[in-house]
Protein backbone atom coordinates (compact mmCIF):
# COMPACT_ATOMS: atom_id res chain seq x y z
CA MET A 1 0.00 0.00 0.00
CA HIS A 2 1.43 3.36 -1.07
CA ALA A 3 1.46 6.34 1.31
CA SER A 4 -0.66 9.28 0.24
CA PRO A 5 1.29 12.16 -1.36
CA LEU A 6 2.24 15.01 0.95
CA ARG A 7 -0.23 17.89 0.59
CA VAL A 8 1.40 21.31 0.94
CA ILE A 9 -0.40 24.62 0.56
CA VAL A 10 1.61 27.83 0.10
CA ILE A 11 -0.36 31.01 0.79
CA GLY A 12 1.21 33.87 -1.17
CA GLY A 13 3.72 33.84 -3.98
CA VAL A 14 6.46 36.25 -5.10
CA ALA A 15 9.84 35.79 -3.35
CA GLY A 16 9.21 33.73 -0.22
CA GLY A 17 6.26 31.66 -1.34
CA MET A 18 7.60 30.76 -4.77
CA SER A 19 11.07 29.97 -3.42
CA ALA A 20 9.47 27.57 -0.95
CA ALA A 21 7.21 25.97 -3.56
CA THR A 22 9.91 25.42 -6.18
CA ARG A 23 12.42 24.13 -3.63
CA LEU A 24 9.82 21.69 -2.35
CA ARG A 25 9.26 20.37 -5.83
CA ARG A 26 12.98 19.89 -6.39
CA LEU A 27 13.10 17.83 -3.18
CA ASN A 28 9.83 15.94 -3.58
CA GLU A 29 8.44 15.06 -7.01
CA THR A 30 5.25 13.44 -5.67
CA ALA A 31 4.04 16.13 -3.25
CA LEU A 32 0.79 17.90 -4.12
CA ILE A 33 1.83 21.56 -3.95
CA THR A 34 -0.83 24.26 -4.25
CA VAL A 35 0.00 27.98 -4.30
CA LEU A 36 -2.78 30.43 -3.47
CA GLU A 37 -2.21 34.01 -4.61
CA ARG A 38 -4.78 36.72 -3.93
CA GLY A 39 -3.61 38.93 -6.81
CA PRO A 40 -3.22 38.28 -10.52
CA TYR A 41 0.58 37.80 -10.48
CA VAL A 42 2.31 35.07 -8.52
CA SER A 43 5.92 35.72 -9.49
CA PHE A 44 7.25 39.20 -10.21
CA ALA A 45 10.29 41.37 -9.45
CA ASN A 46 8.91 43.48 -6.60
CA CYS A 47 12.13 45.47 -6.19
CA GLY A 48 12.09 46.42 -9.86
CA LEU A 49 8.72 48.18 -9.75
CA PRO A 50 10.07 51.75 -9.35
CA TYR A 51 12.35 51.28 -12.37
CA HIS A 52 9.38 50.85 -14.69
CA LEU A 53 8.18 54.35 -13.78
CA SER A 54 11.21 55.84 -15.53
CA GLY A 55 11.09 53.41 -18.44
CA THR A 56 14.37 51.80 -17.43
CA VAL A 57 12.70 48.39 -17.16
CA GLY A 58 9.87 47.11 -19.34
CA ARG A 59 6.72 45.95 -17.59
CA ASP A 60 6.87 42.43 -19.03
CA ASP A 61 10.46 42.08 -17.81
CA LEU A 62 9.15 42.31 -14.24
CA LEU A 63 6.95 39.22 -14.67
CA LEU A 64 9.13 36.22 -13.94
CA HIS A 65 6.72 33.27 -14.10
CA THR A 66 3.06 32.57 -14.81
CA PRO A 67 0.82 29.79 -13.47
CA ASP A 68 1.26 27.98 -16.78
CA SER A 69 5.06 28.19 -16.77
CA LEU A 70 5.18 27.04 -13.15
CA GLN A 71 2.88 24.14 -13.98
CA ALA A 72 5.03 23.14 -16.93
CA ARG A 73 8.38 23.32 -15.18
CA PHE A 74 7.54 22.41 -11.58
CA ASN A 75 4.10 20.76 -11.73
CA LEU A 76 2.76 23.34 -9.27
CA ASP A 77 -0.95 24.00 -8.93
CA VAL A 78 -0.83 27.81 -8.88
CA ARG A 79 -4.17 29.54 -8.35
CA VAL A 80 -4.18 33.30 -8.81
CA HIS A 81 -7.14 35.40 -7.66
CA HIS A 82 -7.54 32.97 -4.76
CA GLU A 83 -7.65 34.61 -1.33
CA ALA A 84 -7.17 32.51 1.80
CA LEU A 85 -9.57 33.70 4.51
CA GLN A 86 -9.38 31.13 7.29
CA ILE A 87 -7.10 28.36 8.56
CA ASP A 88 -8.72 25.53 10.51
CA ARG A 89 -5.73 24.03 12.31
CA ALA A 90 -7.73 21.18 13.85
CA ALA A 91 -9.19 20.05 10.52
CA ARG A 92 -6.04 21.12 8.61
CA THR A 93 -7.95 23.02 5.98
CA VAL A 94 -7.69 26.42 4.32
CA THR A 95 -10.92 28.18 3.37
CA GLY A 96 -11.12 31.12 1.01
CA ARG A 97 -12.76 32.61 -2.04
CA GLN A 98 -12.03 33.19 -5.70
CA THR A 99 -11.75 37.00 -5.83
CA LEU A 100 -13.17 37.42 -9.35
CA THR A 101 -16.27 35.27 -8.87
CA GLY A 102 -16.70 35.11 -5.10
CA GLU A 103 -16.78 31.31 -5.31
CA PRO A 104 -15.68 29.72 -2.01
CA PHE A 105 -13.12 26.95 -1.72
CA THR A 106 -11.79 24.64 1.01
CA LEU A 107 -8.51 22.77 0.63
CA PRO A 108 -6.91 20.21 2.97
CA TYR A 109 -3.23 20.34 3.87
CA ASP A 110 -0.60 18.27 5.64
CA ARG A 111 1.81 21.21 5.83
CA LEU A 112 1.16 24.90 5.32
CA ILE A 113 3.55 27.70 4.39
CA LEU A 114 2.41 31.28 4.96
CA SER A 115 3.88 33.97 2.72
CA PRO A 116 1.26 36.75 2.78
CA GLY A 117 3.84 39.53 2.60
CA ALA A 118 3.33 43.03 3.91
CA HIS A 119 0.94 45.85 3.12
CA ALA A 120 1.49 49.56 2.70
CA VAL A 121 0.96 51.69 5.78
CA ARG A 122 -1.95 54.08 5.24
CA PRO A 123 -1.78 56.81 7.88
CA PRO A 124 -5.15 58.06 9.20
CA ILE A 125 -5.04 61.20 7.08
CA PRO A 126 -8.15 62.59 5.37
CA GLY A 127 -7.98 61.88 1.65
CA ILE A 128 -5.03 59.46 1.88
CA GLU A 129 -6.99 56.94 -0.22
CA ARG A 130 -6.10 59.11 -3.21
CA ALA A 131 -2.41 58.22 -2.78
CA PHE A 132 -0.91 55.38 -4.81
CA PRO A 133 1.05 52.68 -2.96
CA LEU A 134 3.75 50.74 -4.81
CA ARG A 135 3.78 47.12 -3.67
CA THR A 136 2.34 45.04 -6.53
CA VAL A 137 2.13 45.03 -10.32
CA PRO A 138 -1.47 46.37 -10.25
CA ASP A 139 -0.21 49.17 -7.96
CA LEU A 140 2.46 49.91 -10.55
CA ASP A 141 -0.02 49.92 -13.42
CA ARG A 142 -2.29 52.40 -11.66
CA LEU A 143 0.58 54.67 -10.67
CA LYS A 144 2.21 54.55 -14.11
CA ALA A 145 -1.08 55.46 -15.80
CA ALA A 146 -1.53 58.40 -13.43
CA VAL A 147 2.02 59.67 -13.88
CA ASP A 148 1.74 59.40 -17.68
CA THR A 149 -1.58 61.23 -17.94
CA ALA A 150 -1.79 63.64 -15.01
CA GLY A 151 -0.17 67.04 -14.55
CA PRO A 152 3.49 67.59 -13.68
CA HIS A 153 3.35 67.84 -9.87
CA VAL A 154 4.23 64.61 -8.04
CA VAL A 155 4.30 64.39 -4.24
CA VAL A 156 5.88 61.34 -2.59
CA ILE A 157 4.97 60.72 1.06
CA GLY A 158 7.78 58.86 2.82
CA ALA A 159 11.52 58.99 2.17
CA GLY A 160 12.58 55.43 2.87
CA PHE A 161 14.15 53.34 0.11
CA ILE A 162 10.89 52.93 -1.85
CA GLY A 163 9.94 56.59 -1.52
CA VAL A 164 13.37 57.82 -2.59
CA GLU A 165 13.45 55.41 -5.54
CA ALA A 166 9.95 56.47 -6.60
CA ALA A 167 10.99 60.14 -6.42
CA VAL A 168 14.11 59.44 -8.48
CA ARG A 169 12.21 57.48 -11.14
CA ALA A 170 9.64 60.30 -11.44
CA ALA A 171 12.41 62.85 -12.05
CA GLY A 172 11.73 65.26 -14.87
CA ARG A 173 8.51 66.37 -13.23
CA HIS A 174 8.02 68.71 -10.27
CA VAL A 175 8.73 66.15 -7.54
CA THR A 176 8.44 66.87 -3.81
CA LEU A 177 9.60 64.20 -1.37
CA LEU A 178 8.03 64.49 2.08
CA GLU A 179 9.40 62.84 5.21
CA ALA A 180 7.83 63.22 8.66
CA GLY A 181 11.13 62.25 10.31
CA PRO A 182 14.33 64.27 10.41
CA GLN A 183 16.11 62.68 7.39
CA VAL A 184 15.80 60.65 4.23
CA LEU A 185 16.69 56.93 4.26
CA PRO A 186 16.31 56.14 7.99
CA PRO A 187 18.63 53.07 7.83
CA LEU A 188 21.51 55.51 7.33
CA ASP A 189 22.85 57.69 10.11
CA PRO A 190 22.26 61.42 9.59
CA GLU A 191 25.69 62.40 8.30
CA LEU A 192 25.43 59.77 5.54
CA ALA A 193 21.78 60.53 4.79
CA ALA A 194 22.74 64.20 4.33
CA LEU A 195 24.84 63.20 1.30
CA VAL A 196 21.79 61.57 -0.31
CA HIS A 197 19.69 64.63 0.55
CA GLN A 198 22.22 66.87 -1.19
CA GLU A 199 22.17 64.69 -4.31
CA LEU A 200 18.37 64.81 -4.46
CA ASP A 201 18.55 68.61 -4.20
CA ARG A 202 21.14 68.79 -6.99
CA GLN A 203 18.91 66.74 -9.25
CA GLY A 204 15.86 68.94 -8.71
CA ILE A 205 13.94 66.79 -6.21
CA HIS A 206 12.59 69.05 -3.49
CA VAL A 207 12.96 67.35 -0.10
CA ALA A 208 11.07 68.43 3.02
CA THR A 209 11.89 66.67 6.29
CA GLY A 210 9.86 67.05 9.46
CA ALA A 211 6.92 67.43 7.08
CA ALA A 212 3.73 65.97 8.56
CA VAL A 213 0.86 65.58 6.10
CA THR A 214 -2.54 66.61 7.49
CA ARG A 215 -4.82 66.29 4.46
CA VAL A 216 -4.84 65.13 0.84
CA THR A 217 -7.34 66.68 -1.56
CA ASP A 218 -8.02 66.12 -5.26
CA THR A 219 -5.42 68.72 -6.17
CA HIS A 220 -3.15 69.36 -3.17
CA VAL A 221 -1.31 67.91 -0.19
CA HIS A 222 -1.59 69.97 3.00
CA LEU A 223 1.13 69.99 5.67
CA HIS A 224 1.04 70.67 9.39
CA SER A 225 3.21 73.71 8.74
CA GLY A 226 0.37 75.27 6.77
CA ALA A 227 2.05 74.69 3.41
CA CYS A 228 -0.17 73.56 0.55
CA LEU A 229 1.53 71.62 -2.26
CA PRO A 230 0.07 71.15 -5.75
CA ALA A 231 -0.21 67.40 -6.29
CA ASP A 232 -1.39 65.89 -9.56
CA VAL A 233 -0.13 62.50 -8.38
CA VAL A 234 0.48 61.39 -4.78
CA VAL A 235 2.69 58.35 -4.08
CA LEU A 236 2.36 56.66 -0.69
CA ALA A 237 5.62 55.21 0.62
CA ALA A 238 5.18 55.61 4.37
CA GLY A 239 6.40 52.11 5.14
CA VAL A 240 4.88 48.63 5.30
CA ARG A 241 3.48 46.38 7.99
CA PRO A 242 3.39 42.57 8.12
CA SER A 243 0.21 41.04 6.72
CA ASP A 244 -0.36 38.78 9.73
CA GLN A 245 -4.13 38.86 10.19
CA LEU A 246 -4.67 35.36 8.78
CA ALA A 247 -2.13 34.01 11.28
CA ARG A 248 -3.74 35.96 14.14
CA ASP A 249 -7.16 34.61 13.31
CA ALA A 250 -5.74 31.08 13.28
CA GLY A 251 -4.41 31.53 16.81
CA LEU A 252 -0.74 31.53 15.83
CA ASP A 253 1.71 33.55 17.90
CA VAL A 254 2.09 37.07 16.54
CA ALA A 255 4.17 39.91 18.00
CA THR A 256 2.26 42.70 19.71
CA GLY A 257 3.58 45.22 17.24
CA GLY A 258 2.99 42.95 14.24
CA GLY A 259 4.79 40.06 12.59
CA ILE A 260 4.35 36.29 12.76
CA LEU A 261 6.70 34.70 15.29
CA VAL A 262 8.79 31.81 13.99
CA ASN A 263 11.64 29.63 15.25
CA ASP A 264 15.00 29.09 13.53
CA HIS A 265 13.35 26.57 11.18
CA LEU A 266 10.68 29.12 10.19
CA GLN A 267 7.97 27.14 12.02
CA THR A 268 5.20 29.10 13.67
CA SER A 269 3.74 28.17 17.06
CA ASP A 270 2.02 25.36 15.14
CA PRO A 271 4.88 23.11 13.92
CA LEU A 272 2.84 22.07 10.87
CA ILE A 273 2.68 25.67 9.69
CA TYR A 274 5.71 27.62 8.45
CA ALA A 275 5.92 31.33 7.67
CA VAL A 276 8.36 33.24 5.48
CA GLY A 277 8.91 36.64 3.92
CA ASP A 278 7.71 40.08 4.85
CA ALA A 279 5.02 38.79 7.23
CA ILE A 280 7.43 37.44 9.85
CA LEU A 281 9.83 38.73 12.48
CA THR A 282 13.41 37.54 12.23
CA ARG A 283 16.45 38.43 14.38
CA ASP A 284 19.05 41.11 13.76
CA ALA A 285 22.80 41.18 14.33
CA LEU A 286 22.22 41.62 18.09
CA ASP A 287 19.82 38.65 18.15
CA GLN A 288 16.88 40.99 18.73
CA PRO A 289 13.49 40.64 16.98
CA ALA A 290 13.50 42.56 13.70
CA PHE A 291 11.12 43.25 10.84
CA VAL A 292 13.21 43.08 7.67
CA PRO A 293 11.06 43.21 4.51
CA LEU A 294 13.83 42.53 2.00
CA ALA A 295 13.97 40.16 -0.97
CA TRP A 296 17.16 38.32 -0.01
CA GLY A 297 15.71 37.20 3.30
CA ALA A 298 12.39 36.12 1.78
CA ASN A 299 14.10 33.96 -0.82
CA ARG A 300 16.44 32.38 1.72
CA GLN A 301 13.59 31.75 4.17
CA GLY A 302 11.54 29.99 1.49
CA ARG A 303 14.38 27.57 0.84
CA VAL A 304 15.04 26.97 4.55
CA ALA A 305 11.36 26.29 5.26
CA ALA A 306 11.13 23.83 2.38
CA ASP A 307 14.30 22.04 3.44
CA HIS A 308 13.18 21.67 7.04
CA LEU A 309 9.71 20.57 5.98
CA MET A 310 11.37 17.75 4.00
CA GLY A 311 13.50 16.70 6.98
CA ARG A 312 16.73 18.31 5.89
CA PRO A 313 18.92 20.18 8.42
CA ALA A 314 18.19 23.84 7.81
CA SER A 315 17.86 26.95 9.95
CA TYR A 316 17.60 30.72 9.58
CA GLY A 317 19.44 32.51 12.36
CA PRO A 318 20.27 36.18 12.95
CA HIS A 319 21.20 38.00 9.77
CA PRO A 320 22.30 41.57 9.11
CA ALA A 321 19.78 43.53 7.08
CA THR A 322 21.49 44.79 3.94
CA ALA A 323 19.81 47.31 1.65
CA ILE A 324 20.96 49.52 -1.22
CA ALA A 325 19.53 52.05 -3.66
CA ARG A 326 20.66 54.04 -6.68
CA ILE A 327 19.97 57.77 -6.33
CA PHE A 328 20.97 59.44 -9.59
CA THR A 329 24.80 59.47 -9.50
CA LEU A 330 25.01 58.02 -5.98
CA THR A 331 24.67 54.56 -4.55
CA ALA A 332 23.64 54.41 -0.89
CA GLY A 333 23.28 51.40 1.36
CA SER A 334 23.70 49.88 4.78
CA THR A 335 24.29 46.52 6.39
CA GLY A 336 23.62 45.48 9.96
CA LEU A 337 22.76 48.11 12.54
CA ASN A 338 23.35 51.84 12.34
CA GLU A 339 24.85 53.88 15.17
CA ARG A 340 21.44 54.96 16.49
CA GLN A 341 20.21 51.37 16.73
CA VAL A 342 23.34 50.20 18.54
CA ARG A 343 23.10 53.01 21.09
CA ALA A 344 19.38 52.36 21.53
CA ALA A 345 20.31 48.78 22.48
CA GLY A 346 22.34 50.16 25.39
CA LEU A 347 25.75 49.65 23.79
CA THR A 348 28.54 52.18 23.31
CA PRO A 349 30.01 51.67 19.86
CA THR A 350 33.12 53.09 18.28
CA VAL A 351 32.56 54.80 14.95
CA ILE A 352 35.00 55.54 12.13
CA HIS A 353 34.49 57.33 8.81
CA THR A 354 36.66 57.16 5.71
CA HIS A 355 36.41 58.84 2.30
CA PRO A 356 38.53 56.79 -0.12
CA ALA A 357 38.47 56.72 -3.92
CA SER A 358 36.64 53.91 -5.67
CA HIS A 359 39.84 52.79 -7.39
CA ALA A 360 43.43 53.92 -7.88
CA GLY A 361 43.44 57.71 -8.10
CA TYR A 362 45.81 57.81 -11.07
CA TYR A 363 43.48 55.63 -13.15
CA PRO A 364 40.78 57.72 -14.90
CA GLY A 365 37.28 57.82 -13.46
CA ALA A 366 37.94 57.34 -9.76
CA GLN A 367 34.94 58.43 -7.66
CA GLY A 368 34.64 59.28 -4.01
CA LEU A 369 33.21 56.88 -1.43
CA HIS A 370 31.92 57.65 2.05
CA LEU A 371 32.17 54.69 4.44
CA LYS A 372 31.12 54.36 8.07
CA LEU A 373 31.91 51.43 10.34
CA VAL A 374 30.20 50.86 13.70
CA PHE A 375 31.99 48.38 15.96
CA ASP A 376 33.09 47.47 19.48
CA ALA A 377 36.64 48.68 20.05
CA ALA A 378 37.20 46.21 22.90
CA THR A 379 36.28 43.06 20.97
CA GLY A 380 36.44 44.14 17.33
CA ARG A 381 32.85 42.99 16.79
CA ILE A 382 31.27 44.74 13.81
CA TYR A 383 27.71 45.97 14.39
CA GLY A 384 27.09 47.55 11.01
CA ALA A 385 28.37 49.65 8.13
CA GLN A 386 27.09 52.25 5.69
CA ALA A 387 28.31 53.33 2.29
CA VAL A 388 27.45 56.23 -0.01
CA GLY A 389 29.28 57.02 -3.22
CA GLY A 390 29.76 56.30 -6.90
CA ASP A 391 31.01 53.19 -8.69
CA GLY A 392 32.27 50.49 -6.34
CA THR A 393 30.02 51.40 -3.42
CA ASP A 394 28.00 48.21 -3.78
CA LYS A 395 31.14 46.05 -3.87
CA ARG A 396 32.44 47.48 -0.60
CA LEU A 397 29.04 47.15 1.06
CA ASP A 398 28.80 43.50 0.02
CA VAL A 399 32.26 42.78 1.43
CA LEU A 400 31.30 44.43 4.72
CA ALA A 401 28.00 42.51 4.84
CA THR A 402 29.92 39.26 4.31
CA ALA A 403 32.42 40.19 7.02
CA LEU A 404 29.63 41.07 9.44
CA HIS A 405 27.78 37.81 8.84
CA ALA A 406 30.98 35.76 9.08
CA GLY A 407 32.03 37.38 12.37
CA VAL A 408 35.17 39.02 10.97
CA ARG A 409 36.62 41.52 13.47
CA ALA A 410 36.87 45.17 12.52
CA ASP A 411 40.67 45.09 12.67
CA ASP A 412 40.77 41.91 10.59
CA LEU A 413 39.29 43.81 7.65
CA ALA A 414 42.89 44.90 7.03
CA ASP A 415 43.81 41.28 6.27
CA LEU A 416 41.18 40.56 3.61
CA PRO A 417 43.04 39.69 0.38
CA LEU A 418 40.77 41.61 -1.99
CA ALA A 419 41.23 41.70 -5.75
CA TYR A 420 43.28 44.64 -6.95
CA ALA A 421 43.95 46.22 -10.30
CA PRO A 422 43.94 49.99 -10.90
CA PRO A 423 40.53 50.05 -12.68
CA TYR A 424 38.84 48.25 -9.77
CA GLY A 425 40.47 49.23 -6.51
CA SER A 426 43.64 50.21 -4.70
CA ALA A 427 46.48 48.23 -3.19
CA LYS A 428 44.90 49.26 0.10
CA ASP A 429 41.25 48.68 -0.74
CA PRO A 430 38.72 50.97 1.00
CA VAL A 431 37.60 47.99 3.08
CA ASN A 432 41.21 47.28 4.07
CA MET A 433 41.57 50.94 5.03
CA LEU A 434 38.63 50.62 7.42
CA GLY A 435 40.53 47.74 8.99
CA TYR A 436 43.70 49.80 9.34
CA VAL A 437 41.81 52.64 10.99
CA ALA A 438 40.05 50.18 13.31
CA GLN A 439 43.43 48.67 14.23
CA ASN A 440 44.77 52.11 15.17
CA VAL A 441 41.76 52.76 17.39
CA MET A 442 41.78 49.32 19.01
CA ASP A 443 45.54 49.54 19.64
CA GLY A 444 45.11 52.93 21.29
CA LEU A 445 47.22 54.78 18.70
CA THR A 446 44.42 57.23 17.94
CA ARG A 447 41.21 58.29 19.58
CA PRO A 448 38.52 59.48 17.15
CA LEU A 449 35.92 62.07 18.10
CA GLN A 450 32.71 62.31 16.10
CA TRP A 451 31.44 65.26 14.09
CA HIS A 452 28.81 66.05 16.75
CA GLU A 453 31.44 66.04 19.53
CA ALA A 454 34.00 68.37 17.96
CA LEU A 455 32.74 71.77 19.07
CA SER A 456 31.93 70.62 22.60
CA SER A 457 35.15 68.69 23.20
CA GLY A 458 36.85 71.50 25.12
CA ARG A 459 39.97 70.96 23.02
CA GLN A 460 41.85 73.43 20.87
CA LEU A 461 40.84 72.82 17.25
CA ILE A 462 43.76 72.46 14.84
CA ASP A 463 43.13 72.39 11.08
CA VAL A 464 46.17 70.74 9.45
CA ARG A 465 45.07 71.30 5.85
CA SER A 466 46.57 73.83 3.48
CA ALA A 467 45.77 77.52 3.80
CA ASP A 468 43.63 77.38 0.64
CA GLU A 469 41.56 74.50 2.03
CA TYR A 470 41.14 76.34 5.32
CA ARG A 471 39.90 79.49 3.56
CA ARG A 472 37.23 77.48 1.73
CA GLY A 473 35.70 76.44 5.05
CA HIS A 474 36.70 75.24 8.50
CA LEU A 475 35.36 74.42 11.95
CA PRO A 476 34.44 77.51 14.00
CA GLY A 477 37.41 78.62 16.08
CA ALA A 478 39.90 76.29 14.42
CA VAL A 479 43.51 77.40 14.01
CA ASN A 480 45.14 76.59 10.67
CA ILE A 481 48.55 74.92 11.05
CA PRO A 482 49.38 72.93 7.90
CA LEU A 483 50.72 69.47 8.66
CA ASP A 484 54.19 70.18 7.27
CA THR A 485 54.71 73.03 9.78
CA LEU A 486 53.18 71.26 12.78
CA ARG A 487 56.46 70.14 14.38
CA GLU A 488 57.65 73.72 14.78
CA GLN A 489 54.32 74.89 16.18
CA ALA A 490 53.77 72.03 18.63
CA PRO A 491 55.33 73.81 21.64
CA HIS A 492 52.80 76.63 21.28
CA LEU A 493 49.67 74.45 21.28
CA ALA A 494 47.25 73.83 24.11
CA PRO A 495 47.89 70.61 26.07
CA ARG A 496 44.74 69.00 24.64
CA VAL A 497 43.85 69.39 20.97
CA LEU A 498 41.55 68.01 18.29
CA VAL A 499 43.26 67.81 14.91
CA TYR A 500 41.49 67.39 11.60
CA CYS A 501 42.04 67.50 7.87
CA GLN A 502 39.71 67.03 4.90
CA VAL A 503 39.02 63.28 5.23
CA GLY A 504 41.13 62.03 8.15
CA GLN A 505 44.49 60.79 6.85
CA ARG A 506 46.55 63.92 7.54
CA GLY A 507 44.72 64.30 10.85
CA HIS A 508 45.83 60.81 11.85
CA THR A 509 49.46 61.62 11.01
CA ALA A 510 49.19 64.88 12.96
CA ALA A 511 47.74 63.16 16.03
CA LEU A 512 50.51 60.56 16.16
CA LEU A 513 53.12 63.28 15.81
CA LEU A 514 51.65 65.49 18.53
CA ASN A 515 51.11 62.62 20.97
CA GLN A 516 54.84 61.82 20.68
CA LEU A 517 55.67 65.49 21.30
CA GLY A 518 53.69 65.60 24.53
CA VAL A 519 50.44 67.10 23.22
CA GLU A 520 47.31 65.03 23.89
CA ALA A 521 45.69 64.86 20.45
CA CYS A 522 42.43 63.33 19.24
CA THR A 523 41.31 63.10 15.62
CA LEU A 524 38.05 64.12 13.99
CA SER A 525 36.65 60.95 12.43
CA GLY A 526 36.18 61.48 8.70
CA GLY A 527 37.62 64.99 8.88
CA TYR A 528 36.02 68.18 7.66
CA LEU A 529 34.01 66.33 5.00
CA THR A 530 32.12 64.30 7.61
CA TRP A 531 31.70 67.35 9.85
CA GLN A 532 30.15 69.29 6.95
CA ALA A 533 27.69 66.50 6.20
CA GLY A 534 26.82 66.20 9.87
CA GLN A 535 26.12 69.92 10.13
CA ALA A 536 23.88 69.72 7.06
CA SER A 537 21.87 66.97 8.75
CA LEU A 538 21.10 69.25 11.69
CA THR A 539 19.16 71.71 9.53
CA PRO A 540 15.71 70.34 8.60
CA ALA A 541 14.81 70.78 4.96
CA ALA A 542 12.52 73.76 4.62
CA HIS A 543 8.88 73.09 3.92
CA PRO A 544 7.76 74.15 0.46
């Protein structure tokens, strides 16, 4: 007598659900695998949606698979326009309806995988229903039609990654990007976010931070400040929340603030039910609960859930969240935790900034990078990193994400044998340079102060750049003593000083020199360039 085939229902497609379903089929040819998708598209490139607004990517290129192609290749029973409404855990059934006809259905399961995703946050603002979210292909179609046919004024509410990308892809119109918080791209710390803000300004995107929306009408967006913005199209990018109501109704454990709770095998509180993707809470680099709605995690979780379901050893532990975006000529991204998050966890991190070139300076086309590393100076543990710059930014961020996940110490970044040729990098790669700076700090050779500590440090401020650089801008009260004349001037300095240059290298040399000459010297991390960006972050963008 043959055992009955394993019946698996996957609720929700796209990254997590389809990764789970296709992995299951590769591991089990006889299982009966049914995928229920509420919308019309079960497999599409969610992260590519903003790029269709600008015409960079064709609409059809975003559609990866159809029910027919999935049936042909993987023998999956994919049912679009099928919404799951109730899970009966005792009977092991899923009940729902066909969204086009209203016809009900009930399906039995042996194992269930939840991948309902997340939904756009809709703040309780009068008229907000007029705003277009950007989560699905139908969302994209509606927004694209509006942008193509409406007037020139576009207002984007929310300056996270999706909001910034939507604003960039709508460039060429009168675009205003509104953020209720103090900065764009909250995963970045303010001095890095300021660089993105400046690029948006240069490209004609008007950015208003601290801008609370109070009302949306047919023609305008009204702000708490009293400003009234013309708005032919309004894009809603105020964040997302886990779509966990189905799990709640089934009695599964869900976090108070939202998100299905799972173990390291992606099992919910019912071991027969798994959950993956944007609907769940995972754990961050500090092993704390985290909501990380990113495609890499969803795809990995789908595979892990399928493996564990089939009895294979598989787990999904703490992972650093890594995100990146292209903003005109800049690339900006982060991995792990930012400085604010680490301090909020009760830790006292050490922070270093560097501003290297993307490749050898003598080879044409080198572009500037801005890197920030957050780590523990006592142990070398890396908490997170951020990168903003031109070509090569993504490569450095990926190396740092790999190092963070692998547990590489901050000082050990100096030992990574990274590929080098003049068109691609330097003999001391920017990631290696972070390691060298971390070594100096951990060995006690230098003590960095941060941009927000400089003016309150109580130390004499010494600018060791050239006279021309000093005239173009300097810290208030700083004395200009170029590095090459510092030895002669050392006897006349205060006993405690803060030295700085443009990006940090000359400041480091100056500090080592002065400390050997009996002057207690600290350095300004990232130099004048970081201080400038930090100061820019302290001034909220004016409301329109």
